Amino acid sequence: MRKKILLTGGTGFIGSHTAVELINSGFEVVIVDDLSNSRIEVLDNIEQITGKRPHFVKLDLRDFGAIQNVFQNHQIESVIHFAAKKAVGESVEKPGLYYDVNINSLLNLLKLMVDFDVSGIIFSSSCTVYGQPEVLPVTESTPFQPAESPYGNTKQICEEILRDSCNANDHLKVISLRYFNPVGAHESSLIGELPIGVPDNLVPFITQTAAGLRPELKVFGGDYDTPDGTAIRDYIHVVDLAKAHVVALDRSINDLQKSNYEFFNVGTGHGSSVLDVIKSFEKSTGEKLNYNITGRRSGDIEKIFADTSFANRELGWKAEKGLDDMMASAWEWQLQVPKLFPDI
């Protein structure tokens, strides 16, 4: 019998790509999402890619009774938890919302996992847990610095909750994947990053500017202590990231974890500046970008990139796609968006 995986936030950017990889790997997927930052049509596109439609329930994970019904109606094998508020800038403006959604959603899931004897959860963590590291690249043993935003703080707190839960319950098996910066889109151009309203992330802002939907791209900060003055991040193709979830899930299901709480950096191990990303986009697509360097954005860190050697060794996983692949696929997706979502 195929194993049922509960995917929270499964119609979102990373969730939808992970749903595809899970279905292609033989899993049965149950998606729950409140559709606050995604579209229901994504289910059609997942089905078009894989030939199979995930189960779907629209709900807010803060609604304990609603998510309890999902556990009652489906024999869940493991959980992959994406659902969360994730915009750094918005979290600075609305910290209470971020603490409410991100933390209470996890607490509800953990209680129900215990109630229904579900042991495994893959948690969508973030490199923001490291704050602004004193030494780069960051390894899994890099100490956390104070979070630069409420969003980053919620990820730190959620990891602490998961660690404490594992200490209290030997049956629980947790793998936290600390993402760096996922970008790009599926090769089919049927799913990709689809921000609702004004994008918070760099790449959709780039593609929307190139498509004429934005007058210019604002580069936040040109005076950082980096080679070109712009912030540096470790960008990873979303399909590589999705595949890491399948590998982590297999590790959990097959009892290969070396402790019941594990955590891995999931990136490429290479830092790229904002201007590097812009140049890669222009080179890989032939499109010229209108951009303007402006002031720094509250909550942003200066530079961060991963040491991925531990994840590569322990998980047997490695990011395969380069920055040009990421930019080209993001642009192909942007060109399809008006056809797939004509009301946007």
C-alpha atoms as a PDB file:
ATOM      1  CA  MET A   1       0.000   0.000   0.000  1.00  0.00           C
ATOM      2  CA  ARG A   2       1.264   3.461  -0.883  1.00  0.00           C
ATOM      3  CA  LYS A   3       2.264   5.556   2.101  1.00  0.00           C
ATOM      4  CA  LYS A   4       0.162   8.682   2.743  1.00  0.00           C
ATOM      5  CA  ILE A   5       2.180  11.817   3.373  1.00  0.00           C
ATOM      6  CA  LEU A   6       0.526  14.886   4.877  1.00  0.00           C
ATOM      7  CA  LEU A   7       1.870  17.974   3.102  1.00  0.00           C
ATOM      8  CA  THR A   8       0.969  21.211   4.880  1.00  0.00           C
ATOM      9  CA  GLY A   9       1.217  24.243   2.626  1.00  0.00           C
ATOM     10  CA  GLY A  10       1.363  21.846  -0.294  1.00  0.00           C
ATOM     11  CA  THR A  11      -0.042  24.205  -2.934  1.00  0.00           C
ATOM     12  CA  GLY A  12       2.710  26.742  -2.265  1.00  0.00           C
ATOM     13  CA  PHE A  13       5.996  27.168  -4.121  1.00  0.00           C
ATOM     14  CA  ILE A  14       8.140  24.540  -2.408  1.00  0.00           C
ATOM     15  CA  GLY A  15       5.173  22.404  -1.400  1.00  0.00           C
ATOM     16  CA  SER A  16       3.861  21.952  -4.942  1.00  0.00           C
ATOM     17  CA  HIS A  17       7.276  20.912  -6.271  1.00  0.00           C
ATOM     18  CA  THR A  18       7.676  18.483  -3.371  1.00  0.00           C
ATOM     19  CA  ALA A  19       4.215  17.051  -4.063  1.00  0.00           C
ATOM     20  CA  VAL A  20       5.352  16.273  -7.622  1.00  0.00           C
ATOM     21  CA  GLU A  21       8.540  14.558  -6.440  1.00  0.00           C
ATOM     22  CA  LEU A  22       6.644  12.556  -3.805  1.00  0.00           C
ATOM     23  CA  ILE A  23       3.998  11.360  -6.260  1.00  0.00           C
ATOM     24  CA  ASN A  24       6.693  10.446  -8.785  1.00  0.00           C
ATOM     25  CA  SER A  25       8.392   8.447  -6.009  1.00  0.00           C
ATOM     26  CA  GLY A  26       5.242   6.424  -5.329  1.00  0.00           C
ATOM     27  CA  PHE A  27       3.820   8.242  -2.303  1.00  0.00           C
ATOM     28  CA  GLU A  28       0.184   9.235  -1.862  1.00  0.00           C
ATOM     29  CA  VAL A  29      -0.072  12.934  -1.002  1.00  0.00           C
ATOM     30  CA  VAL A  30      -2.631  14.657   1.225  1.00  0.00           C
ATOM     31  CA  ILE A  31      -2.336  18.447   0.937  1.00  0.00           C
ATOM     32  CA  VAL A  32      -3.744  20.899   3.455  1.00  0.00           C
ATOM     33  CA  ASP A  33      -3.464  24.614   2.723  1.00  0.00           C
ATOM     34  CA  ASP A  34      -5.437  27.754   3.550  1.00  0.00           C
ATOM     35  CA  LEU A  35      -4.685  29.184   0.063  1.00  0.00           C
ATOM     36  CA  SER A  36      -3.637  32.507   1.611  1.00  0.00           C
ATOM     37  CA  ASN A  37      -0.533  32.593  -0.570  1.00  0.00           C
ATOM     38  CA  SER A  38      -1.306  30.045  -3.283  1.00  0.00           C
ATOM     39  CA  ARG A  39      -3.970  29.052  -5.799  1.00  0.00           C
ATOM     40  CA  ILE A  40      -6.274  26.040  -5.970  1.00  0.00           C
ATOM     41  CA  GLU A  41      -5.442  25.645  -9.688  1.00  0.00           C
ATOM     42  CA  VAL A  42      -2.007  24.386  -8.624  1.00  0.00           C
ATOM     43  CA  LEU A  43      -3.676  21.030  -7.929  1.00  0.00           C
ATOM     44  CA  ASP A  44      -4.653  20.773 -11.607  1.00  0.00           C
ATOM     45  CA  ASN A  45      -1.076  21.467 -12.626  1.00  0.00           C
ATOM     46  CA  ILE A  46       0.362  18.903 -10.214  1.00  0.00           C
ATOM     47  CA  GLU A  47      -2.058  16.377 -11.704  1.00  0.00           C
ATOM     48  CA  GLN A  48      -1.050  17.356 -15.231  1.00  0.00           C
ATOM     49  CA  ILE A  49       2.624  16.762 -14.426  1.00  0.00           C
ATOM     50  CA  THR A  50       2.233  13.510 -12.491  1.00  0.00           C
ATOM     51  CA  GLY A  51      -1.028  12.019 -13.767  1.00  0.00           C
ATOM     52  CA  LYS A  52      -2.293  11.818 -10.169  1.00  0.00           C
ATOM     53  CA  ARG A  53      -4.284  14.351  -8.168  1.00  0.00           C
ATOM     54  CA  PRO A  54      -3.358  14.853  -4.516  1.00  0.00           C
ATOM     55  CA  HIS A  55      -6.059  14.764  -1.864  1.00  0.00           C
ATOM     56  CA  PHE A  56      -6.777  18.338  -0.791  1.00  0.00           C
ATOM     57  CA  VAL A  57      -8.405  19.981   2.228  1.00  0.00           C
ATOM     58  CA  LYS A  58      -8.623  23.737   2.620  1.00  0.00           C
ATOM     59  CA  LEU A  59      -7.960  24.641   6.244  1.00  0.00           C
ATOM     60  CA  ASP A  60      -6.015  26.846   8.616  1.00  0.00           C
ATOM     61  CA  LEU A  61      -3.659  24.762  10.754  1.00  0.00           C
ATOM     62  CA  ARG A  62      -4.575  26.895  13.765  1.00  0.00           C
ATOM     63  CA  ASP A  63      -8.025  25.251  13.555  1.00  0.00           C
ATOM     64  CA  PHE A  64      -7.341  22.161  15.670  1.00  0.00           C
ATOM     65  CA  GLY A  65     -10.626  20.458  14.876  1.00  0.00           C
ATOM     66  CA  ALA A  66     -10.157  20.846  11.125  1.00  0.00           C
ATOM     67  CA  ILE A  67      -6.706  19.282  11.052  1.00  0.00           C
ATOM     68  CA  GLN A  68      -7.846  16.609  13.514  1.00  0.00           C
ATOM     69  CA  ASN A  69     -10.459  15.558  10.956  1.00  0.00           C
ATOM     70  CA  VAL A  70      -7.722  15.090   8.355  1.00  0.00           C
ATOM     71  CA  PHE A  71      -5.841  12.726  10.674  1.00  0.00           C
ATOM     72  CA  GLN A  72      -9.102  10.863  11.355  1.00  0.00           C
ATOM     73  CA  ASN A  73      -9.967  10.522   7.659  1.00  0.00           C
ATOM     74  CA  HIS A  74      -6.515   9.552   6.356  1.00  0.00           C
ATOM     75  CA  GLN A  75      -3.997   7.050   7.645  1.00  0.00           C
ATOM     76  CA  ILE A  76      -1.026   9.415   7.676  1.00  0.00           C
ATOM     77  CA  GLU A  77       2.432   7.842   7.582  1.00  0.00           C
ATOM     78  CA  SER A  78       4.534  11.011   7.936  1.00  0.00           C
ATOM     79  CA  VAL A  79       4.235  14.787   7.791  1.00  0.00           C
ATOM     80  CA  ILE A  80       6.116  17.372   5.746  1.00  0.00           C
ATOM     81  CA  HIS A  81       5.379  20.766   7.270  1.00  0.00           C
ATOM     82  CA  PHE A  82       5.719  23.747   4.935  1.00  0.00           C
ATOM     83  CA  ALA A  83       2.746  25.870   5.986  1.00  0.00           C
ATOM     84  CA  ALA A  84       3.948  29.136   7.525  1.00  0.00           C
ATOM     85  CA  LYS A  85       4.083  32.859   7.032  1.00  0.00           C
ATOM     86  CA  LYS A  86       7.453  33.566   5.420  1.00  0.00           C
ATOM     87  CA  ALA A  87       7.908  37.217   4.356  1.00  0.00           C
ATOM     88  CA  VAL A  88      10.746  38.815   6.324  1.00  0.00           C
ATOM     89  CA  GLY A  89       9.535  42.380   5.797  1.00  0.00           C
ATOM     90  CA  GLU A  90       5.939  41.592   6.706  1.00  0.00           C
ATOM     91  CA  SER A  91       7.078  39.802   9.853  1.00  0.00           C
ATOM     92  CA  VAL A  92       8.771  42.996  11.037  1.00  0.00           C
ATOM     93  CA  GLU A  93       5.476  44.864  10.543  1.00  0.00           C
ATOM     94  CA  LYS A  94       3.190  42.114  11.906  1.00  0.00           C
ATOM     95  CA  PRO A  95       5.167  40.061  14.446  1.00  0.00           C
ATOM     96  CA  GLY A  96       2.069  38.847  16.318  1.00  0.00           C
ATOM     97  CA  LEU A  97       0.641  37.271  13.168  1.00  0.00           C
ATOM     98  CA  TYR A  98       3.895  35.396  12.517  1.00  0.00           C
ATOM     99  CA  TYR A  99       4.163  34.038  16.065  1.00  0.00           C
ATOM    100  CA  ASP A 100       0.503  33.001  16.004  1.00  0.00           C
ATOM    101  CA  VAL A 101       0.530  31.227  12.632  1.00  0.00           C
ATOM    102  CA  ASN A 102       3.992  29.680  12.614  1.00  0.00           C
ATOM    103  CA  ILE A 103       4.151  28.445  16.188  1.00  0.00           C
ATOM    104  CA  ASN A 104       0.547  27.431  16.869  1.00  0.00           C
ATOM    105  CA  SER A 105       0.358  25.514  13.577  1.00  0.00           C
ATOM    106  CA  LEU A 106       3.344  23.417  14.612  1.00  0.00           C
ATOM    107  CA  LEU A 107       2.005  22.835  18.133  1.00  0.00           C
ATOM    108  CA  ASN A 108      -1.310  21.561  16.743  1.00  0.00           C
ATOM    109  CA  LEU A 109       0.468  19.210  14.354  1.00  0.00           C
ATOM    110  CA  LEU A 110       2.714  17.798  17.058  1.00  0.00           C
ATOM    111  CA  LYS A 111      -0.193  17.109  19.396  1.00  0.00           C
ATOM    112  CA  LEU A 112      -2.124  15.314  16.665  1.00  0.00           C
ATOM    113  CA  MET A 113       0.927  13.321  15.601  1.00  0.00           C
ATOM    114  CA  VAL A 114       1.169  11.975  19.144  1.00  0.00           C
ATOM    115  CA  ASP A 115      -2.606  11.351  19.335  1.00  0.00           C
ATOM    116  CA  PHE A 116      -2.608   9.409  16.039  1.00  0.00           C
ATOM    117  CA  ASP A 117       0.765   7.671  16.521  1.00  0.00           C
ATOM    118  CA  VAL A 118       2.473   9.426  13.589  1.00  0.00           C
ATOM    119  CA  SER A 119       6.183   9.551  14.355  1.00  0.00           C
ATOM    120  CA  GLY A 120       7.907  11.284  11.438  1.00  0.00           C
ATOM    121  CA  ILE A 121       7.953  14.956  10.466  1.00  0.00           C
ATOM    122  CA  ILE A 122      10.167  16.826   8.017  1.00  0.00           C
ATOM    123  CA  PHE A 123      10.199  20.475   9.083  1.00  0.00           C
ATOM    124  CA  SER A 124      10.617  23.397   6.727  1.00  0.00           C
ATOM    125  CA  SER A 125      13.265  25.406   8.538  1.00  0.00           C
ATOM    126  CA  SER A 126      15.472  28.166   7.189  1.00  0.00           C
ATOM    127  CA  CYS A 127      18.996  29.514   7.118  1.00  0.00           C
ATOM    128  CA  THR A 128      17.524  32.529   8.928  1.00  0.00           C
ATOM    129  CA  VAL A 129      17.929  30.509  12.143  1.00  0.00           C
ATOM    130  CA  TYR A 130      21.622  31.396  11.996  1.00  0.00           C
ATOM    131  CA  GLY A 131      20.973  35.153  12.020  1.00  0.00           C
ATOM    132  CA  GLN A 132      24.006  36.996  10.646  1.00  0.00           C
ATOM    133  CA  PRO A 133      26.750  34.384  11.162  1.00  0.00           C
ATOM    134  CA  GLU A 134      30.179  35.491  12.334  1.00  0.00           C
ATOM    135  CA  VAL A 135      31.916  32.902  10.126  1.00  0.00           C
ATOM    136  CA  LEU A 136      30.996  31.729   6.626  1.00  0.00           C
ATOM    137  CA  PRO A 137      30.078  29.302   5.229  1.00  0.00           C
ATOM    138  CA  VAL A 138      27.647  28.132   7.904  1.00  0.00           C
ATOM    139  CA  THR A 139      27.768  24.522   9.030  1.00  0.00           C
ATOM    140  CA  GLU A 140      25.145  22.692  11.048  1.00  0.00           C
ATOM    141  CA  SER A 141      27.258  23.401  14.151  1.00  0.00           C
ATOM    142  CA  THR A 142      27.280  27.171  13.535  1.00  0.00           C
ATOM    143  CA  PRO A 143      25.685  28.751  16.619  1.00  0.00           C
ATOM    144  CA  PHE A 144      22.445  30.655  16.217  1.00  0.00           C
ATOM    145  CA  GLN A 145      22.806  34.426  16.399  1.00  0.00           C
ATOM    146  CA  PRO A 146      19.902  36.634  17.498  1.00  0.00           C
ATOM    147  CA  ALA A 147      17.266  36.514  14.771  1.00  0.00           C
ATOM    148  CA  GLU A 148      17.174  39.501  12.437  1.00  0.00           C
ATOM    149  CA  SER A 149      13.384  39.321  12.044  1.00  0.00           C
ATOM    150  CA  PRO A 150      10.317  37.861  13.746  1.00  0.00           C
ATOM    151  CA  TYR A 151      10.113  35.367  10.859  1.00  0.00           C
ATOM    152  CA  GLY A 152      13.630  34.134  11.630  1.00  0.00           C
ATOM    153  CA  ASN A 153      12.802  34.000  15.317  1.00  0.00           C
ATOM    154  CA  THR A 154       9.751  31.804  14.677  1.00  0.00           C
ATOM    155  CA  LYS A 155      11.969  29.319  12.864  1.00  0.00           C
ATOM    156  CA  GLN A 156      14.422  29.300  15.782  1.00  0.00           C
ATOM    157  CA  ILE A 157      11.563  28.796  18.251  1.00  0.00           C
ATOM    158  CA  CYS A 158       9.991  26.034  16.141  1.00  0.00           C
ATOM    159  CA  GLU A 159      13.292  24.160  16.041  1.00  0.00           C
ATOM    160  CA  GLU A 160      13.536  24.487  19.829  1.00  0.00           C
ATOM    161  CA  ILE A 161       9.989  23.128  20.178  1.00  0.00           C
ATOM    162  CA  LEU A 162      10.857  20.182  17.938  1.00  0.00           C
ATOM    163  CA  ARG A 163      14.080  19.459  19.823  1.00  0.00           C
ATOM    164  CA  ASP A 164      12.308  19.582  23.193  1.00  0.00           C
ATOM    165  CA  SER A 165       9.528  17.359  21.826  1.00  0.00           C
ATOM    166  CA  CYS A 166      12.089  14.784  20.681  1.00  0.00           C
ATOM    167  CA  ASN A 167      13.719  14.858  24.120  1.00  0.00           C
ATOM    168  CA  ALA A 168      10.323  14.170  25.683  1.00  0.00           C
ATOM    169  CA  ASN A 169       9.199  11.526  23.173  1.00  0.00           C
ATOM    170  CA  ASP A 170      11.619   8.913  21.876  1.00  0.00           C
ATOM    171  CA  HIS A 171       9.028   7.789  19.319  1.00  0.00           C
ATOM    172  CA  LEU A 172       9.112  11.146  17.508  1.00  0.00           C
ATOM    173  CA  LYS A 173      11.458  11.417  14.514  1.00  0.00           C
ATOM    174  CA  VAL A 174      12.223  14.903  13.218  1.00  0.00           C
ATOM    175  CA  ILE A 175      14.403  16.167  10.385  1.00  0.00           C
ATOM    176  CA  SER A 176      14.685  19.942  10.059  1.00  0.00           C
ATOM    177  CA  LEU A 177      15.843  21.092   6.628  1.00  0.00           C
ATOM    178  CA  ARG A 178      17.389  24.541   6.843  1.00  0.00           C
ATOM    179  CA  TYR A 179      16.695  25.987   3.404  1.00  0.00           C
ATOM    180  CA  PHE A 180      18.797  28.653   1.883  1.00  0.00           C
ATOM    181  CA  ASN A 181      17.082  30.541  -0.986  1.00  0.00           C
ATOM    182  CA  PRO A 182      14.874  28.400  -3.245  1.00  0.00           C
ATOM    183  CA  VAL A 183      14.234  29.812  -6.720  1.00  0.00           C
ATOM    184  CA  GLY A 184      13.449  28.555 -10.225  1.00  0.00           C
ATOM    185  CA  ALA A 185      10.540  26.433 -11.420  1.00  0.00           C
ATOM    186  CA  HIS A 186       9.629  22.956 -12.646  1.00  0.00           C
ATOM    187  CA  GLU A 187      10.818  22.127 -16.150  1.00  0.00           C
ATOM    188  CA  SER A 188       7.201  21.832 -17.298  1.00  0.00           C
ATOM    189  CA  SER A 189       6.592  25.510 -16.420  1.00  0.00           C
ATOM    190  CA  LEU A 190       3.292  24.369 -14.896  1.00  0.00           C
ATOM    191  CA  ILE A 191       4.270  25.180 -11.301  1.00  0.00           C
ATOM    192  CA  GLY A 192       6.559  27.844  -9.887  1.00  0.00           C
ATOM    193  CA  GLU A 193       6.727  30.731  -7.452  1.00  0.00           C
ATOM    194  CA  LEU A 194       3.422  32.581  -7.544  1.00  0.00           C
ATOM    195  CA  PRO A 195       3.362  35.383  -4.978  1.00  0.00           C
ATOM    196  CA  ILE A 196      -0.009  36.893  -4.196  1.00  0.00           C
ATOM    197  CA  GLY A 197       0.318  40.671  -4.547  1.00  0.00           C
ATOM    198  CA  VAL A 198       3.694  42.392  -4.476  1.00  0.00           C
ATOM    199  CA  PRO A 199       6.532  39.825  -4.326  1.00  0.00           C
ATOM    200  CA  ASP A 200       8.712  39.726  -1.242  1.00  0.00           C
ATOM    201  CA  ASN A 201      11.455  37.613  -2.806  1.00  0.00           C
ATOM    202  CA  LEU A 202      14.056  38.709  -5.341  1.00  0.00           C
ATOM    203  CA  VAL A 203      13.503  36.356  -8.281  1.00  0.00           C
ATOM    204  CA  PRO A 204       9.745  36.851  -8.816  1.00  0.00           C
ATOM    205  CA  PHE A 205      10.394  40.586  -8.615  1.00  0.00           C
ATOM    206  CA  ILE A 206      13.046  40.164 -11.317  1.00  0.00           C
ATOM    207  CA  THR A 207      10.771  38.143 -13.595  1.00  0.00           C
ATOM    208  CA  GLN A 208       7.783  40.432 -13.088  1.00  0.00           C
ATOM    209  CA  THR A 209       9.947  43.466 -13.857  1.00  0.00           C
ATOM    210  CA  ALA A 210      11.276  41.821 -17.020  1.00  0.00           C
ATOM    211  CA  ALA A 211       7.690  40.982 -18.008  1.00  0.00           C
ATOM    212  CA  GLY A 212       6.684  44.627 -17.678  1.00  0.00           C
ATOM    213  CA  LEU A 213       4.514  44.081 -14.600  1.00  0.00           C
ATOM    214  CA  ARG A 214       6.761  46.233 -12.393  1.00  0.00           C
ATOM    215  CA  PRO A 215       8.358  49.543 -13.415  1.00  0.00           C
ATOM    216  CA  GLU A 216      11.729  48.669 -11.918  1.00  0.00           C
ATOM    217  CA  LEU A 217      13.511  46.239  -9.630  1.00  0.00           C
ATOM    218  CA  LYS A 218      14.603  47.704  -6.303  1.00  0.00           C
ATOM    219  CA  VAL A 219      17.885  46.312  -5.028  1.00  0.00           C
ATOM    220  CA  PHE A 220      17.768  46.760  -1.271  1.00  0.00           C
ATOM    221  CA  GLY A 221      21.216  47.916  -0.150  1.00  0.00           C
ATOM    222  CA  GLY A 222      24.320  48.639  -2.183  1.00  0.00           C
ATOM    223  CA  ASP A 223      26.659  49.359   0.720  1.00  0.00           C
ATOM    224  CA  TYR A 224      27.042  45.934   2.321  1.00  0.00           C
ATOM    225  CA  ASP A 225      30.497  44.530   3.047  1.00  0.00           C
ATOM    226  CA  THR A 226      30.433  42.315  -0.049  1.00  0.00           C
ATOM    227  CA  PRO A 227      32.436  42.445  -3.300  1.00  0.00           C
ATOM    228  CA  ASP A 228      29.782  44.467  -5.154  1.00  0.00           C
ATOM    229  CA  GLY A 229      27.998  45.970  -2.149  1.00  0.00           C
ATOM    230  CA  THR A 230      24.798  43.922  -2.534  1.00  0.00           C
ATOM    231  CA  ALA A 231      23.578  41.172  -0.217  1.00  0.00           C
ATOM    232  CA  ILE A 232      24.772  37.607  -0.769  1.00  0.00           C
ATOM    233  CA  ARG A 233      22.623  34.484  -0.538  1.00  0.00           C
ATOM    234  CA  ASP A 234      22.907  30.799  -1.402  1.00  0.00           C
ATOM    235  CA  TYR A 235      20.302  30.209  -4.130  1.00  0.00           C
ATOM    236  CA  ILE A 236      19.077  26.663  -4.722  1.00  0.00           C
ATOM    237  CA  HIS A 237      16.801  25.343  -7.459  1.00  0.00           C
ATOM    238  CA  VAL A 238      13.418  24.447  -5.990  1.00  0.00           C
ATOM    239  CA  VAL A 239      13.439  21.015  -7.683  1.00  0.00           C
ATOM    240  CA  ASP A 240      16.756  20.176  -5.994  1.00  0.00           C
ATOM    241  CA  LEU A 241      15.195  21.275  -2.700  1.00  0.00           C
ATOM    242  CA  ALA A 242      12.062  19.192  -3.327  1.00  0.00           C
ATOM    243  CA  LYS A 243      14.198  16.125  -3.974  1.00  0.00           C
ATOM    244  CA  ALA A 244      15.963  16.690  -0.649  1.00  0.00           C
ATOM    245  CA  HIS A 245      12.595  16.273   1.077  1.00  0.00           C
ATOM    246  CA  VAL A 246      12.024  12.896  -0.545  1.00  0.00           C
ATOM    247  CA  VAL A 247      15.487  11.749   0.539  1.00  0.00           C
ATOM    248  CA  ALA A 248      14.893  13.006   4.091  1.00  0.00           C
ATOM    249  CA  LEU A 249      11.497  11.293   4.181  1.00  0.00           C
ATOM    250  CA  ASP A 250      13.005   7.984   3.082  1.00  0.00           C
ATOM    251  CA  ARG A 251      15.628   8.357   5.809  1.00  0.00           C
ATOM    252  CA  SER A 252      12.922   8.879   8.423  1.00  0.00           C
ATOM    253  CA  ILE A 253      10.558   6.127   7.242  1.00  0.00           C
ATOM    254  CA  ASN A 254      13.358   3.573   6.957  1.00  0.00           C
ATOM    255  CA  ASP A 255      14.694   4.332  10.475  1.00  0.00           C
ATOM    256  CA  LEU A 256      18.048   5.559   9.202  1.00  0.00           C
ATOM    257  CA  GLN A 257      18.234   8.628  11.451  1.00  0.00           C
ATOM    258  CA  LYS A 258      21.205   8.655  13.818  1.00  0.00           C
ATOM    259  CA  SER A 259      19.193  10.584  16.391  1.00  0.00           C
ATOM    260  CA  ASN A 260      15.508  11.384  16.604  1.00  0.00           C
ATOM    261  CA  TYR A 261      16.219  15.068  15.965  1.00  0.00           C
ATOM    262  CA  GLU A 262      18.383  15.819  12.919  1.00  0.00           C
ATOM    263  CA  PHE A 263      18.974  18.996  10.949  1.00  0.00           C
ATOM    264  CA  PHE A 264      20.673  19.718   7.644  1.00  0.00           C
ATOM    265  CA  ASN A 265      21.691  22.735   5.584  1.00  0.00           C
ATOM    266  CA  VAL A 266      20.069  22.513   2.160  1.00  0.00           C
ATOM    267  CA  GLY A 267      21.767  24.803  -0.334  1.00  0.00           C
ATOM    268  CA  THR A 268      24.423  24.757  -3.025  1.00  0.00           C
ATOM    269  CA  GLY A 269      27.351  25.890  -0.899  1.00  0.00           C
ATOM    270  CA  HIS A 270      27.894  28.910  -3.148  1.00  0.00           C
ATOM    271  CA  GLY A 271      26.982  32.522  -2.394  1.00  0.00           C
ATOM    272  CA  SER A 272      25.672  34.854  -5.104  1.00  0.00           C
ATOM    273  CA  SER A 273      25.064  38.577  -4.740  1.00  0.00           C
ATOM    274  CA  VAL A 274      21.906  40.305  -5.909  1.00  0.00           C
ATOM    275  CA  LEU A 275      23.860  41.739  -8.846  1.00  0.00           C
ATOM    276  CA  ASP A 276      25.179  38.241  -9.661  1.00  0.00           C
ATOM    277  CA  VAL A 277      21.577  37.040  -9.866  1.00  0.00           C
ATOM    278  CA  ILE A 278      20.588  39.950 -12.107  1.00  0.00           C
ATOM    279  CA  LYS A 279      23.530  39.285 -14.455  1.00  0.00           C
ATOM    280  CA  SER A 280      22.689  35.562 -14.564  1.00  0.00           C
ATOM    281  CA  PHE A 281      19.075  36.363 -15.423  1.00  0.00           C
ATOM    282  CA  GLU A 282      20.093  38.720 -18.232  1.00  0.00           C
ATOM    283  CA  LYS A 283      22.590  36.207 -19.609  1.00  0.00           C
ATOM    284  CA  SER A 284      20.328  33.153 -19.466  1.00  0.00           C
ATOM    285  CA  THR A 285      17.209  34.866 -20.860  1.00  0.00           C
ATOM    286  CA  GLY A 286      18.502  37.692 -23.073  1.00  0.00           C
ATOM    287  CA  GLU A 287      16.226  40.109 -21.179  1.00  0.00           C
ATOM    288  CA  LYS A 288      17.574  43.425 -19.852  1.00  0.00           C
ATOM    289  CA  LEU A 289      16.451  44.510 -16.407  1.00  0.00           C
ATOM    290  CA  ASN A 290      15.646  47.985 -15.205  1.00  0.00           C
ATOM    291  CA  TYR A 291      16.917  48.079 -11.630  1.00  0.00           C
ATOM    292  CA  ASN A 292      17.760  50.701  -9.046  1.00  0.00           C
ATOM    293  CA  ILE A 293      19.889  50.311  -5.922  1.00  0.00           C
ATOM    294  CA  THR A 294      18.054  51.743  -2.926  1.00  0.00           C
ATOM    295  CA  GLY A 295      18.282  51.620   0.879  1.00  0.00           C
ATOM    296  CA  ARG A 296      18.570  48.486   2.950  1.00  0.00           C
ATOM    297  CA  ARG A 297      15.419  46.613   3.951  1.00  0.00           C
ATOM    298  CA  SER A 298      14.632  46.026   7.609  1.00  0.00           C
ATOM    299  CA  GLY A 299      15.271  42.443   8.741  1.00  0.00           C
ATOM    300  CA  ASP A 300      17.672  41.508   5.933  1.00  0.00           C
ATOM    301  CA  ILE A 301      21.058  40.019   6.696  1.00  0.00           C
ATOM    302  CA  GLU A 302      24.206  40.925   4.803  1.00  0.00           C
ATOM    303  CA  LYS A 303      25.501  37.593   3.579  1.00  0.00           C
ATOM    304  CA  ILE A 304      24.988  33.912   4.164  1.00  0.00           C
ATOM    305  CA  PHE A 305      25.785  30.711   2.319  1.00  0.00           C
ATOM    306  CA  ALA A 306      25.996  27.082   3.311  1.00  0.00           C
ATOM    307  CA  ASP A 307      28.546  24.422   3.899  1.00  0.00           C
ATOM    308  CA  THR A 308      26.493  21.529   2.531  1.00  0.00           C
ATOM    309  CA  SER A 309      29.078  18.768   2.999  1.00  0.00           C
ATOM    310  CA  PHE A 310      27.260  17.207   5.970  1.00  0.00           C
ATOM    311  CA  ALA A 311      23.943  17.023   4.100  1.00  0.00           C
ATOM    312  CA  ASN A 312      25.685  15.739   0.974  1.00  0.00           C
ATOM    313  CA  ARG A 313      27.389  12.982   2.955  1.00  0.00           C
ATOM    314  CA  GLU A 314      24.611  11.979   5.357  1.00  0.00           C
ATOM    315  CA  LEU A 315      21.635  12.266   3.010  1.00  0.00           C
ATOM    316  CA  GLY A 316      23.403  11.206  -0.167  1.00  0.00           C
ATOM    317  CA  TRP A 317      21.884  14.299  -1.763  1.00  0.00           C
ATOM    318  CA  LYS A 318      23.496  17.169  -3.642  1.00  0.00           C
ATOM    319  CA  ALA A 319      22.108  20.206  -5.458  1.00  0.00           C
ATOM    320  CA  GLU A 320      22.621  19.721  -9.193  1.00  0.00           C
ATOM    321  CA  LYS A 321      21.305  22.845 -10.938  1.00  0.00           C
ATOM    322  CA  GLY A 322      23.249  26.102 -11.297  1.00  0.00           C
ATOM    323  CA  LEU A 323      22.162  29.737 -11.096  1.00  0.00           C
ATOM    324  CA  ASP A 324      21.637  30.081 -14.866  1.00  0.00           C
ATOM    325  CA  ASP A 325      19.276  27.061 -14.795  1.00  0.00           C
ATOM    326  CA  MET A 326      17.377  28.657 -11.929  1.00  0.00           C
ATOM    327  CA  MET A 327      16.961  31.975 -13.733  1.00  0.00           C
ATOM    328  CA  ALA A 328      16.017  30.432 -17.088  1.00  0.00           C
ATOM    329  CA  SER A 329      13.344  28.209 -15.526  1.00  0.00           C
ATOM    330  CA  ALA A 330      11.949  31.095 -13.454  1.00  0.00           C
ATOM    331  CA  TRP A 331      11.587  33.150 -16.648  1.00  0.00           C
ATOM    332  CA  GLU A 332       9.900  30.319 -18.555  1.00  0.00           C
ATOM    333  CA  TRP A 333       7.461  29.992 -15.675  1.00  0.00           C
ATOM    334  CA  GLN A 334       6.772  33.736 -15.673  1.00  0.00           C
ATOM    335  CA  LEU A 335       5.923  33.575 -19.376  1.00  0.00           C
ATOM    336  CA  GLN A 336       3.333  30.868 -18.655  1.00  0.00           C
ATOM    337  CA  VAL A 337       1.694  32.581 -15.661  1.00  0.00           C
ATOM    338  CA  PRO A 338      -0.721  34.757 -17.713  1.00  0.00           C
ATOM    339  CA  LYS A 339      -1.931  31.647 -19.565  1.00  0.00           C
ATOM    340  CA  LEU A 340      -2.303  29.527 -16.430  1.00  0.00           C
ATOM    341  CA  PHE A 341      -3.750  32.309 -14.265  1.00  0.00           C
ATOM    342  CA  PRO A 342      -5.353  34.872 -16.612  1.00  0.00           C
ATOM    343  CA  ASP A 343      -6.930  36.813 -13.739  1.00  0.00           C
ATOM    344  CA  ILE A 344      -3.569  37.744 -12.201  1.00  0.00           C
END
